[in-house]
Each structure stands twice: as structure tokens, then as C-alpha cells.
Amino acid sequence: MNKLVLQAEVVQIEPLRYTPAGIPLLSVVLRHVSEQVEAGMKRKVECEVNAVVLGDLAKNNIPQGLEIGSHIQASGFLAKRSLKSTQLVMHINHIVSI
């Protein structure tokens, strides 16, 4: 199973663009900060995740408050950035403001 749910702050939003197939694509960067328990010890976790939103969700979330500084819960899956890349990108298919 490949599912990722992340609570994060939106720190970067690229302008809406379109794939060669004409699908709307919105690239964002999400910053996550939390405290997790690992091996019985508390650990502070901080990371930035590159993410993309495609299709109607990309077009609909521009006016619905997906803006820099907003806090969201995003769910989706991980995939390679491209066929020849090993870098992972989160593909968001559901967004909720928190």
C-alpha cells in the first residue's frame, strides 16, 4: 500500500501550469514539524516535502485558501518525480484546511 497523510504548512506554491496532455498541475512545497516517538524516545521531526496536485483539485484549490502559510492535512501517495528520477514527490488527492 502506498498512502501518505501529512499535516503541514504550505511554504511554496508554483503558478498553475498544464501537462502536455492538458491536465492542470499545481506544484507545492509542504513543511511538516512534529514530535514522534521512536525506540521509546521522543524525536523532533522537521521536513519539507515536494508535492503536486493534478486535475480539478489543482484548479479548485487555488481560490479555496491553498495559500502560503496555510495549514493543511494532505493525503495522497508517493511517486518518482519522473521516469528517470529517483526523487520522490507526494501526489495529493485530498486536502483539508486545519
N, C-alpha and C. Protein backbone atom coordinates (compact mmCIF):
# COMPACT_ATOMS: atom_id res chain seq x y z
N MET A 1 0.86 -1.18 0.00
CA MET A 1 0.00 0.00 0.00
C MET A 1 0.90 1.23 0.00
N ASN A 2 0.53 2.23 -0.75
CA ASN A 2 1.28 3.48 -0.86
C ASN A 2 0.33 4.61 -0.54
N LYS A 3 0.26 5.00 0.74
CA LYS A 3 -0.62 6.08 1.17
C LYS A 3 0.13 6.95 2.16
N LEU A 4 0.01 8.25 1.98
CA LEU A 4 0.68 9.21 2.86
C LEU A 4 -0.33 10.25 3.30
N VAL A 5 -0.40 10.50 4.62
CA VAL A 5 -1.22 11.56 5.19
C VAL A 5 -0.27 12.45 5.97
N LEU A 6 -0.32 13.75 5.68
CA LEU A 6 0.64 14.67 6.26
C LEU A 6 -0.04 15.97 6.66
N GLN A 7 0.16 16.38 7.91
CA GLN A 7 -0.28 17.70 8.34
C GLN A 7 0.92 18.62 8.16
N ALA A 8 0.70 19.73 7.46
CA ALA A 8 1.83 20.57 7.10
C ALA A 8 1.41 22.00 6.82
N GLU A 9 2.41 22.87 6.76
CA GLU A 9 2.21 24.26 6.36
C GLU A 9 2.64 24.40 4.91
N VAL A 10 1.87 25.13 4.14
CA VAL A 10 2.22 25.39 2.74
C VAL A 10 3.28 26.49 2.73
N VAL A 11 4.46 26.19 2.21
CA VAL A 11 5.54 27.18 2.20
C VAL A 11 5.89 27.69 0.81
N GLN A 12 5.42 27.00 -0.21
CA GLN A 12 5.69 27.47 -1.58
C GLN A 12 4.61 26.95 -2.50
N ILE A 13 4.16 27.79 -3.42
CA ILE A 13 3.20 27.39 -4.44
C ILE A 13 3.68 27.94 -5.77
N GLU A 14 3.85 27.07 -6.73
CA GLU A 14 4.24 27.48 -8.07
C GLU A 14 2.98 27.90 -8.84
N PRO A 15 3.11 28.71 -9.86
CA PRO A 15 1.94 29.06 -10.67
C PRO A 15 1.32 27.81 -11.31
N LEU A 16 0.02 27.84 -11.47
CA LEU A 16 -0.69 26.73 -12.12
C LEU A 16 -0.14 26.55 -13.53
N ARG A 17 0.14 25.31 -13.89
CA ARG A 17 0.58 25.01 -15.26
C ARG A 17 -0.16 23.79 -15.75
N TYR A 18 0.10 23.41 -16.97
CA TYR A 18 -0.61 22.30 -17.58
C TYR A 18 0.39 21.29 -18.12
N THR A 19 0.07 20.01 -17.97
CA THR A 19 0.90 18.94 -18.52
C THR A 19 0.75 18.97 -20.04
N PRO A 20 1.63 18.26 -20.77
CA PRO A 20 1.47 18.19 -22.22
C PRO A 20 0.10 17.62 -22.64
N ALA A 21 -0.52 16.84 -21.75
CA ALA A 21 -1.85 16.29 -22.05
C ALA A 21 -2.97 17.27 -21.70
N GLY A 22 -2.61 18.45 -21.19
CA GLY A 22 -3.61 19.46 -20.87
C GLY A 22 -4.20 19.36 -19.48
N ILE A 23 -3.59 18.58 -18.60
CA ILE A 23 -4.09 18.41 -17.23
C ILE A 23 -3.51 19.51 -16.34
N PRO A 24 -4.35 20.23 -15.58
CA PRO A 24 -3.84 21.25 -14.67
C PRO A 24 -2.94 20.63 -13.60
N LEU A 25 -1.83 21.30 -13.30
CA LEU A 25 -0.87 20.79 -12.33
C LEU A 25 -0.40 21.95 -11.45
N LEU A 26 -0.46 21.74 -10.15
CA LEU A 26 -0.02 22.73 -9.18
C LEU A 26 1.08 22.09 -8.32
N SER A 27 2.27 22.69 -8.32
CA SER A 27 3.38 22.20 -7.51
C SER A 27 3.45 23.02 -6.23
N VAL A 28 3.60 22.33 -5.10
CA VAL A 28 3.69 23.00 -3.80
C VAL A 28 4.81 22.37 -2.99
N VAL A 29 5.26 23.11 -1.98
CA VAL A 29 6.20 22.57 -1.00
C VAL A 29 5.52 22.66 0.35
N LEU A 30 5.53 21.55 1.09
CA LEU A 30 4.90 21.46 2.40
C LEU A 30 5.96 21.29 3.47
N ARG A 31 5.80 22.01 4.60
CA ARG A 31 6.73 21.87 5.73
C ARG A 31 5.98 21.20 6.88
N HIS A 32 6.56 20.11 7.35
CA HIS A 32 5.98 19.36 8.48
C HIS A 32 6.91 19.46 9.68
N VAL A 33 6.34 19.75 10.86
CA VAL A 33 7.09 19.76 12.11
C VAL A 33 6.25 19.02 13.15
N SER A 34 6.86 18.03 13.81
CA SER A 34 6.13 17.30 14.84
C SER A 34 7.13 16.64 15.78
N GLU A 35 6.60 16.00 16.81
CA GLU A 35 7.40 15.21 17.72
C GLU A 35 6.89 13.78 17.65
N GLN A 36 7.77 12.84 17.39
CA GLN A 36 7.40 11.44 17.24
C GLN A 36 8.15 10.61 18.28
N VAL A 37 7.62 9.45 18.59
CA VAL A 37 8.30 8.53 19.49
C VAL A 37 8.90 7.42 18.65
N GLU A 38 10.21 7.25 18.82
CA GLU A 38 10.93 6.21 18.07
C GLU A 38 11.83 5.47 19.05
N ALA A 39 11.70 4.17 19.09
CA ALA A 39 12.50 3.34 20.00
C ALA A 39 12.36 3.82 21.44
N GLY A 40 11.15 4.27 21.80
CA GLY A 40 10.87 4.70 23.15
C GLY A 40 11.37 6.08 23.51
N MET A 41 11.91 6.81 22.54
CA MET A 41 12.42 8.15 22.80
C MET A 41 11.74 9.16 21.90
N LYS A 42 11.56 10.37 22.44
CA LYS A 42 10.95 11.44 21.65
C LYS A 42 11.96 11.98 20.65
N ARG A 43 11.45 12.27 19.46
CA ARG A 43 12.30 12.79 18.40
C ARG A 43 11.57 13.91 17.68
N LYS A 44 12.23 15.05 17.52
CA LYS A 44 11.63 16.15 16.77
C LYS A 44 11.85 15.89 15.29
N VAL A 45 10.77 15.98 14.52
CA VAL A 45 10.82 15.71 13.09
C VAL A 45 10.49 17.00 12.35
N GLU A 46 11.35 17.38 11.43
CA GLU A 46 11.12 18.53 10.56
C GLU A 46 11.49 18.12 9.15
N CYS A 47 10.62 18.39 8.19
CA CYS A 47 10.94 18.06 6.81
C CYS A 47 10.13 18.93 5.86
N GLU A 48 10.65 19.06 4.65
CA GLU A 48 9.91 19.71 3.57
C GLU A 48 9.66 18.66 2.51
N VAL A 49 8.44 18.64 2.01
CA VAL A 49 8.02 17.64 1.04
C VAL A 49 7.54 18.34 -0.22
N ASN A 50 8.12 17.96 -1.35
CA ASN A 50 7.62 18.45 -2.64
C ASN A 50 6.36 17.67 -2.97
N ALA A 51 5.34 18.39 -3.44
CA ALA A 51 4.07 17.74 -3.73
C ALA A 51 3.45 18.34 -4.99
N VAL A 52 2.58 17.58 -5.61
CA VAL A 52 1.83 18.06 -6.77
C VAL A 52 0.36 17.75 -6.58
N VAL A 53 -0.47 18.63 -7.14
CA VAL A 53 -1.91 18.45 -7.17
C VAL A 53 -2.30 18.52 -8.64
N LEU A 54 -3.06 17.52 -9.11
CA LEU A 54 -3.41 17.48 -10.53
C LEU A 54 -4.92 17.52 -10.73
N GLY A 55 -5.32 17.89 -11.94
CA GLY A 55 -6.72 17.85 -12.36
C GLY A 55 -7.57 18.93 -11.73
N ASP A 56 -8.85 18.61 -11.54
CA ASP A 56 -9.81 19.57 -10.98
C ASP A 56 -9.39 20.04 -9.59
N LEU A 57 -8.78 19.17 -8.81
CA LEU A 57 -8.35 19.56 -7.46
C LEU A 57 -7.34 20.70 -7.53
N ALA A 58 -6.47 20.68 -8.53
CA ALA A 58 -5.48 21.77 -8.69
C ALA A 58 -6.18 23.08 -9.01
N LYS A 59 -7.12 23.04 -9.92
CA LYS A 59 -7.82 24.27 -10.31
C LYS A 59 -8.72 24.77 -9.18
N ASN A 60 -9.37 23.87 -8.46
CA ASN A 60 -10.33 24.25 -7.42
C ASN A 60 -9.67 24.74 -6.14
N ASN A 61 -8.43 24.33 -5.88
CA ASN A 61 -7.80 24.72 -4.62
C ASN A 61 -7.06 26.04 -4.70
N ILE A 62 -6.91 26.60 -5.87
CA ILE A 62 -6.28 27.91 -5.95
C ILE A 62 -7.15 28.95 -5.25
N PRO A 63 -8.45 29.05 -5.55
CA PRO A 63 -9.24 30.07 -4.86
C PRO A 63 -9.74 29.64 -3.49
N GLN A 64 -9.59 28.39 -3.10
CA GLN A 64 -10.16 27.90 -1.84
C GLN A 64 -9.20 27.96 -0.67
N GLY A 65 -8.26 28.88 -0.66
CA GLY A 65 -7.42 29.08 0.51
C GLY A 65 -6.15 28.27 0.56
N LEU A 66 -5.79 27.58 -0.52
CA LEU A 66 -4.49 26.91 -0.54
C LEU A 66 -3.48 28.02 -0.84
N GLU A 67 -2.95 28.59 0.23
CA GLU A 67 -2.04 29.73 0.08
C GLU A 67 -0.86 29.56 1.00
N ILE A 68 0.18 30.30 0.74
CA ILE A 68 1.38 30.22 1.56
C ILE A 68 1.03 30.58 3.01
N GLY A 69 1.50 29.75 3.93
CA GLY A 69 1.23 29.94 5.34
C GLY A 69 0.02 29.19 5.85
N SER A 70 -0.82 28.65 4.95
CA SER A 70 -1.99 27.91 5.42
C SER A 70 -1.56 26.53 5.92
N HIS A 71 -2.32 26.01 6.88
CA HIS A 71 -2.05 24.69 7.46
C HIS A 71 -3.08 23.73 6.91
N ILE A 72 -2.61 22.61 6.38
CA ILE A 72 -3.49 21.65 5.72
C ILE A 72 -3.18 20.24 6.20
N GLN A 73 -4.12 19.36 5.94
CA GLN A 73 -3.87 17.92 6.01
C GLN A 73 -4.03 17.41 4.59
N ALA A 74 -2.97 16.87 4.07
CA ALA A 74 -2.97 16.37 2.69
C ALA A 74 -2.84 14.86 2.71
N SER A 75 -3.58 14.20 1.86
CA SER A 75 -3.43 12.75 1.72
C SER A 75 -3.23 12.43 0.25
N GLY A 76 -2.46 11.40 0.02
CA GLY A 76 -2.15 11.00 -1.35
C GLY A 76 -1.18 9.85 -1.35
N PHE A 77 -0.26 9.87 -2.31
CA PHE A 77 0.69 8.77 -2.46
C PHE A 77 2.03 9.32 -2.93
N LEU A 78 3.07 8.51 -2.80
CA LEU A 78 4.41 8.87 -3.25
C LEU A 78 4.70 8.25 -4.61
N ALA A 79 5.38 9.02 -5.46
CA ALA A 79 5.80 8.51 -6.76
C ALA A 79 7.10 9.20 -7.16
N LYS A 80 7.82 8.61 -8.10
CA LYS A 80 9.03 9.24 -8.60
C LYS A 80 8.66 10.51 -9.36
N ARG A 81 9.56 11.51 -9.30
CA ARG A 81 9.32 12.77 -9.99
C ARG A 81 9.16 12.55 -11.50
N SER A 82 9.95 11.65 -12.06
CA SER A 82 9.87 11.33 -13.48
C SER A 82 10.38 9.91 -13.68
N LEU A 83 10.31 9.43 -14.90
CA LEU A 83 10.75 8.06 -15.19
C LEU A 83 12.21 7.83 -14.85
N LYS A 84 13.05 8.84 -15.08
CA LYS A 84 14.48 8.66 -14.86
C LYS A 84 14.97 9.18 -13.52
N SER A 85 14.08 9.70 -12.69
CA SER A 85 14.45 10.27 -11.40
C SER A 85 14.21 9.28 -10.27
N THR A 86 15.00 9.40 -9.21
CA THR A 86 14.74 8.61 -8.01
C THR A 86 14.15 9.48 -6.91
N GLN A 87 14.02 10.78 -7.15
CA GLN A 87 13.45 11.70 -6.16
C GLN A 87 11.95 11.46 -6.04
N LEU A 88 11.46 11.41 -4.78
CA LEU A 88 10.05 11.17 -4.53
C LEU A 88 9.27 12.48 -4.43
N VAL A 89 8.03 12.44 -4.89
CA VAL A 89 7.12 13.57 -4.83
C VAL A 89 5.78 13.04 -4.31
N MET A 90 5.15 13.79 -3.42
CA MET A 90 3.83 13.42 -2.95
C MET A 90 2.79 13.88 -3.96
N HIS A 91 1.92 12.97 -4.38
CA HIS A 91 0.79 13.32 -5.25
C HIS A 91 -0.43 13.44 -4.35
N ILE A 92 -0.94 14.65 -4.21
CA ILE A 92 -2.04 14.91 -3.30
C ILE A 92 -3.36 14.67 -4.02
N ASN A 93 -4.25 13.89 -3.38
CA ASN A 93 -5.58 13.70 -3.96
C ASN A 93 -6.70 14.13 -3.02
N HIS A 94 -6.33 14.64 -1.83
CA HIS A 94 -7.33 15.18 -0.90
C HIS A 94 -6.66 16.20 0.02
N ILE A 95 -7.31 17.37 0.17
CA ILE A 95 -6.76 18.43 1.01
C ILE A 95 -7.87 18.94 1.93
N VAL A 96 -7.51 19.13 3.22
CA VAL A 96 -8.40 19.70 4.20
C VAL A 96 -7.65 20.80 4.94
N SER A 97 -8.26 21.96 5.10
CA SER A 97 -7.65 23.03 5.92
C SER A 97 -7.79 22.65 7.39
N ILE A 98 -6.72 22.90 8.16
CA ILE A 98 -6.78 22.61 9.60
C ILE A 98 -6.42 23.85 10.40
